[in-house]
Amino acid sequence: MNQRFSEYRIMWVLVLFDLPTETKKERKAAADFRKKITGDGFTMFQFSIYLRHCVSRENAEVHIKRVKSILPEFGKVGIMCITDKQFGEMELFYGKKPEKPKAGPQQLELF
């Protein structure tokens, strides 16, 4: 396998958050945060967990910096990076039934 696309070099960035939604202003801030991170290529994994596939740690750092730049005024936000290898080892369940993970994005290389 090409070292550039090693399962230990490819990263997944997870953004986990718990934002207040009591007031109209808080709901708007939470919705804006979701909209901005999805605009940066994150997809919903669970309601308050979004993830993004990155080709390298350096690429992941770019997206982490973007998330940090749009943090809402209130609430809790966590950002975590894991390797593609670690992500592939995750066990997913729907109720008691195991669920196969969805295939990640396919990396294309142009010559």
Protein backbone atom coordinates (compact mmCIF):
# COMPACT_ATOMS: atom_id res chain seq x y z
CA MET A 1 0.00 0.00 0.00
CA ASN A 2 1.21 3.49 -0.79
CA GLN A 3 2.48 5.07 2.46
CA ARG A 4 0.58 8.27 1.63
CA PHE A 5 -2.70 6.39 2.10
CA SER A 6 -1.76 4.23 5.07
CA GLU A 7 -4.58 3.37 7.47
CA TYR A 8 -2.35 4.85 10.18
CA ARG A 9 -1.88 8.15 8.34
CA ILE A 10 -5.47 8.73 7.23
CA MET A 11 -7.41 10.42 10.03
CA TRP A 12 -11.00 10.83 11.12
CA VAL A 13 -11.89 14.02 12.99
CA LEU A 14 -14.82 13.68 15.37
CA VAL A 15 -16.64 16.72 16.75
CA LEU A 16 -18.78 15.89 19.79
CA PHE A 17 -20.99 18.57 21.27
CA ASP A 18 -23.70 19.32 23.77
CA LEU A 19 -25.15 22.76 23.07
CA PRO A 20 -27.94 24.51 24.97
CA THR A 21 -31.26 24.83 23.12
CA GLU A 22 -33.55 26.40 25.73
CA THR A 23 -33.99 29.76 24.02
CA LYS A 24 -34.52 30.78 20.41
CA LYS A 25 -31.04 32.37 20.38
CA GLU A 26 -29.44 29.14 21.68
CA ARG A 27 -31.30 27.00 19.12
CA LYS A 28 -30.11 29.31 16.34
CA ALA A 29 -26.51 29.16 17.59
CA ALA A 30 -26.66 25.32 17.71
CA ALA A 31 -28.19 25.14 14.22
CA ASP A 32 -25.59 27.58 12.86
CA PHE A 33 -22.77 25.50 14.35
CA ARG A 34 -24.14 22.32 12.74
CA LYS A 35 -24.57 24.12 9.43
CA LYS A 36 -21.01 25.46 9.49
CA ILE A 37 -19.36 22.14 10.31
CA THR A 38 -21.40 20.34 7.65
CA GLY A 39 -20.33 23.08 5.24
CA ASP A 40 -16.74 22.08 6.05
CA GLY A 41 -17.41 18.47 5.07
CA PHE A 42 -18.44 16.92 8.39
CA THR A 43 -21.31 14.44 8.33
CA MET A 44 -23.62 13.41 11.15
CA PHE A 45 -22.65 10.15 12.83
CA GLN A 46 -25.10 10.55 15.70
CA PHE A 47 -27.20 13.56 16.63
CA SER A 48 -24.38 15.47 18.36
CA ILE A 49 -21.41 13.66 16.84
CA TYR A 50 -20.11 14.68 13.45
CA LEU A 51 -17.11 13.26 11.65
CA ARG A 52 -14.87 14.02 8.72
CA HIS A 53 -12.41 11.88 6.76
CA CYS A 54 -9.00 13.51 6.26
CA VAL A 55 -6.12 12.22 4.15
CA SER A 56 -3.47 13.15 6.72
CA ARG A 57 -2.86 14.58 10.18
CA GLU A 58 -1.92 17.88 8.54
CA ASN A 59 -5.24 17.99 6.68
CA ALA A 60 -7.06 17.13 9.92
CA GLU A 61 -5.37 20.06 11.67
CA VAL A 62 -6.79 22.44 9.03
CA HIS A 63 -10.34 21.29 9.79
CA ILE A 64 -9.79 21.28 13.54
CA LYS A 65 -8.66 24.90 13.29
CA ARG A 66 -11.84 25.75 11.35
CA VAL A 67 -14.04 24.13 14.00
CA LYS A 68 -12.22 26.05 16.73
CA SER A 69 -12.84 29.30 14.84
CA ILE A 70 -16.64 28.76 14.89
CA LEU A 71 -17.14 27.49 18.43
CA PRO A 72 -20.46 28.68 19.88
CA GLU A 73 -20.48 31.01 22.87
CA PHE A 74 -22.05 28.41 25.17
CA GLY A 75 -22.07 24.63 25.39
CA LYS A 76 -19.50 21.87 25.34
CA VAL A 77 -17.56 20.85 22.25
CA GLY A 78 -14.92 18.11 22.02
CA ILE A 79 -12.67 17.42 19.05
CA MET A 80 -10.92 14.08 18.64
CA CYS A 81 -8.74 12.53 15.92
CA ILE A 82 -8.46 8.82 15.32
CA THR A 83 -6.66 6.88 12.63
CA ASP A 84 -8.50 5.13 9.85
CA LYS A 85 -7.30 1.85 11.39
CA GLN A 86 -8.93 2.74 14.74
CA PHE A 87 -12.12 3.87 13.01
CA GLY A 88 -12.28 0.58 11.13
CA GLU A 89 -12.13 -1.35 14.42
CA MET A 90 -15.29 0.33 15.75
CA GLU A 91 -18.21 -1.98 16.47
CA LEU A 92 -21.60 -0.49 15.62
CA PHE A 93 -24.98 -1.76 16.80
CA TYR A 94 -28.56 -0.96 15.99
CA GLY A 95 -30.29 -2.24 19.09
CA LYS A 96 -28.71 -5.62 19.74
CA LYS A 97 -27.98 -6.28 16.07
CA PRO A 98 -24.48 -5.56 14.78
CA GLU A 99 -24.44 -3.08 11.94
CA LYS A 100 -21.76 -2.98 9.27
CA PRO A 101 -20.01 0.39 9.14
CA LYS A 102 -20.71 2.46 6.06
CA ALA A 103 -17.83 2.55 3.64
CA GLY A 104 -15.70 5.64 4.05
CA PRO A 105 -14.95 7.98 1.21
CA GLN A 106 -12.83 6.51 -1.54
CA GLN A 107 -9.49 8.23 -2.01
CA LEU A 108 -8.72 9.01 -5.63
CA GLU A 109 -5.23 9.70 -6.88
CA LEU A 110 -4.64 11.68 -10.06
CA PHE A 111 -1.47 11.10 -12.02
